[in-house]
Amino acid sequence: MPFEGIKVTALVGSPRRQNTLHLVQVIEDELKRLGSVEVEYVFLGERNIEFCRGCMQLSTVSG
């Protein structure tokens, strides 16, 4: 199978969980039909996403 052991992160931006979620679920069903696929849903409306404050913190992290 071409999709064995694949992990997929589905970003769902719609706050109503209707058409966008349904479309992502259809895609998930098709991927699972092709092989063993693990899907993780991330609902962006439930996340606290803020704008960049220009603190430069990411550029100072080593590794």
N, C-alpha and C. Protein backbone atom coordinates (compact mmCIF):
# COMPACT_ATOMS: atom_id res chain seq x y z
N MET A 1 0.84 -1.19 0.00
CA MET A 1 0.00 0.00 0.00
C MET A 1 0.89 1.25 0.00
N PRO A 2 0.53 2.25 -0.77
CA PRO A 2 1.38 3.44 -0.90
C PRO A 2 1.36 4.36 0.32
N PHE A 3 0.38 4.26 1.19
CA PHE A 3 0.26 5.19 2.31
C PHE A 3 0.39 4.49 3.66
N GLU A 4 1.23 3.49 3.78
CA GLU A 4 1.39 2.79 5.05
C GLU A 4 2.15 3.64 6.06
N GLY A 5 1.57 3.82 7.24
CA GLY A 5 2.24 4.50 8.33
C GLY A 5 2.35 6.01 8.17
N ILE A 6 1.58 6.60 7.32
CA ILE A 6 1.64 8.05 7.09
C ILE A 6 0.86 8.76 8.19
N LYS A 7 1.42 9.87 8.69
CA LYS A 7 0.72 10.72 9.66
C LYS A 7 0.34 12.02 8.97
N VAL A 8 -0.92 12.41 9.11
CA VAL A 8 -1.44 13.61 8.46
C VAL A 8 -1.99 14.54 9.52
N THR A 9 -1.64 15.82 9.43
CA THR A 9 -2.22 16.83 10.30
C THR A 9 -3.20 17.64 9.47
N ALA A 10 -4.46 17.62 9.88
CA ALA A 10 -5.51 18.34 9.16
C ALA A 10 -5.80 19.64 9.88
N LEU A 11 -5.49 20.76 9.24
CA LEU A 11 -5.77 22.08 9.81
C LEU A 11 -7.16 22.51 9.38
N VAL A 12 -8.06 22.65 10.35
CA VAL A 12 -9.44 23.04 10.06
C VAL A 12 -9.63 24.46 10.59
N GLY A 13 -9.82 25.40 9.66
CA GLY A 13 -9.92 26.80 10.04
C GLY A 13 -11.34 27.30 10.25
N SER A 14 -12.31 26.52 9.86
CA SER A 14 -13.70 26.94 9.98
C SER A 14 -14.19 26.78 11.41
N PRO A 15 -14.73 27.83 12.02
CA PRO A 15 -15.19 27.72 13.41
C PRO A 15 -16.50 26.95 13.55
N ARG A 16 -17.24 26.77 12.46
CA ARG A 16 -18.55 26.12 12.55
C ARG A 16 -18.50 24.61 12.41
N ARG A 17 -17.37 24.07 12.00
CA ARG A 17 -17.21 22.63 11.83
C ARG A 17 -18.29 22.04 10.94
N GLN A 18 -18.45 22.63 9.77
CA GLN A 18 -19.45 22.11 8.85
C GLN A 18 -18.79 21.65 7.55
N ASN A 19 -18.85 22.45 6.51
CA ASN A 19 -18.41 22.01 5.18
C ASN A 19 -16.92 21.71 5.12
N THR A 20 -16.10 22.56 5.73
CA THR A 20 -14.65 22.32 5.69
C THR A 20 -14.31 21.03 6.41
N LEU A 21 -14.90 20.82 7.58
CA LEU A 21 -14.65 19.59 8.33
C LEU A 21 -15.13 18.38 7.53
N HIS A 22 -16.28 18.48 6.91
CA HIS A 22 -16.80 17.37 6.11
C HIS A 22 -15.84 17.04 4.96
N LEU A 23 -15.33 18.05 4.30
CA LEU A 23 -14.39 17.83 3.20
C LEU A 23 -13.12 17.14 3.70
N VAL A 24 -12.61 17.58 4.83
CA VAL A 24 -11.40 16.96 5.39
C VAL A 24 -11.68 15.51 5.78
N GLN A 25 -12.86 15.23 6.29
CA GLN A 25 -13.21 13.85 6.65
C GLN A 25 -13.33 12.97 5.40
N VAL A 26 -13.82 13.52 4.30
CA VAL A 26 -13.88 12.76 3.05
C VAL A 26 -12.47 12.42 2.57
N ILE A 27 -11.57 13.40 2.67
CA ILE A 27 -10.17 13.16 2.29
C ILE A 27 -9.55 12.10 3.20
N GLU A 28 -9.83 12.19 4.50
CA GLU A 28 -9.33 11.20 5.45
C GLU A 28 -9.82 9.79 5.08
N ASP A 29 -11.09 9.66 4.76
CA ASP A 29 -11.64 8.35 4.38
C ASP A 29 -10.94 7.79 3.15
N GLU A 30 -10.67 8.64 2.17
CA GLU A 30 -9.99 8.19 0.96
C GLU A 30 -8.56 7.77 1.25
N LEU A 31 -7.86 8.53 2.08
CA LEU A 31 -6.49 8.16 2.44
C LEU A 31 -6.46 6.83 3.20
N LYS A 32 -7.40 6.65 4.12
CA LYS A 32 -7.46 5.40 4.88
C LYS A 32 -7.82 4.22 3.99
N ARG A 33 -8.57 4.47 2.94
CA ARG A 33 -8.90 3.42 1.98
C ARG A 33 -7.64 2.94 1.25
N LEU A 34 -6.68 3.86 1.08
CA LEU A 34 -5.45 3.53 0.36
C LEU A 34 -4.37 2.91 1.24
N GLY A 35 -4.53 3.01 2.56
CA GLY A 35 -3.52 2.45 3.44
C GLY A 35 -3.72 2.87 4.88
N SER A 36 -2.73 2.57 5.69
CA SER A 36 -2.77 2.88 7.11
C SER A 36 -2.34 4.33 7.32
N VAL A 37 -3.30 5.19 7.63
CA VAL A 37 -3.04 6.62 7.79
C VAL A 37 -3.57 7.06 9.15
N GLU A 38 -2.76 7.82 9.88
CA GLU A 38 -3.18 8.40 11.15
C GLU A 38 -3.43 9.88 10.93
N VAL A 39 -4.62 10.36 11.29
CA VAL A 39 -4.98 11.76 11.06
C VAL A 39 -5.19 12.45 12.40
N GLU A 40 -4.52 13.59 12.56
CA GLU A 40 -4.70 14.44 13.73
C GLU A 40 -5.38 15.72 13.27
N TYR A 41 -6.47 16.07 13.93
CA TYR A 41 -7.20 17.29 13.59
C TYR A 41 -6.73 18.42 14.49
N VAL A 42 -6.47 19.57 13.88
CA VAL A 42 -6.15 20.79 14.62
C VAL A 42 -7.20 21.82 14.24
N PHE A 43 -8.01 22.20 15.22
CA PHE A 43 -9.07 23.19 14.99
C PHE A 43 -8.51 24.56 15.37
N LEU A 44 -8.22 25.37 14.36
CA LEU A 44 -7.55 26.65 14.59
C LEU A 44 -8.39 27.61 15.41
N GLY A 45 -9.71 27.50 15.35
CA GLY A 45 -10.58 28.37 16.13
C GLY A 45 -10.46 28.14 17.62
N GLU A 46 -9.93 26.99 18.02
CA GLU A 46 -9.76 26.67 19.44
C GLU A 46 -8.38 27.07 19.95
N ARG A 47 -7.53 27.53 19.07
CA ARG A 47 -6.15 27.88 19.44
C ARG A 47 -6.03 29.38 19.69
N ASN A 48 -5.15 29.73 20.58
CA ASN A 48 -4.86 31.14 20.85
C ASN A 48 -3.68 31.54 19.96
N ILE A 49 -3.98 32.02 18.76
CA ILE A 49 -2.95 32.39 17.79
C ILE A 49 -2.82 33.91 17.80
N GLU A 50 -1.64 34.38 18.13
CA GLU A 50 -1.40 35.82 18.23
C GLU A 50 -0.47 36.28 17.13
N PHE A 51 -0.47 37.57 16.88
CA PHE A 51 0.43 38.17 15.91
C PHE A 51 1.85 38.22 16.47
N CYS A 52 2.81 38.29 15.59
CA CYS A 52 4.21 38.44 15.98
C CYS A 52 4.40 39.78 16.67
N ARG A 53 5.11 39.74 17.80
CA ARG A 53 5.39 40.97 18.54
C ARG A 53 6.80 41.49 18.26
N GLY A 54 7.52 40.81 17.40
CA GLY A 54 8.86 41.25 17.06
C GLY A 54 9.86 41.09 18.19
N CYS A 55 9.67 40.08 19.04
CA CYS A 55 10.54 39.91 20.21
C CYS A 55 11.88 39.26 19.85
N MET A 56 12.00 38.72 18.64
CA MET A 56 13.21 38.06 18.15
C MET A 56 13.54 36.78 18.93
N GLN A 57 12.62 36.25 19.71
CA GLN A 57 12.86 35.05 20.51
C GLN A 57 13.19 33.84 19.65
N LEU A 58 12.53 33.68 18.53
CA LEU A 58 12.79 32.51 17.68
C LEU A 58 14.18 32.54 17.07
N SER A 59 14.72 33.70 16.81
CA SER A 59 16.05 33.78 16.21
C SER A 59 17.16 33.55 17.22
N THR A 60 16.84 33.56 18.51
CA THR A 60 17.87 33.35 19.53
C THR A 60 17.87 31.94 20.09
N VAL A 61 16.92 31.10 19.68
CA VAL A 61 16.84 29.73 20.18
C VAL A 61 17.89 28.90 19.46
N SER A 62 18.72 28.20 20.22
CA SER A 62 19.76 27.37 19.60
C SER A 62 19.21 25.98 19.34
N GLY A 63 19.74 25.34 18.32
CA GLY A 63 19.35 23.97 18.03
C GLY A 63 18.59 23.91 16.83
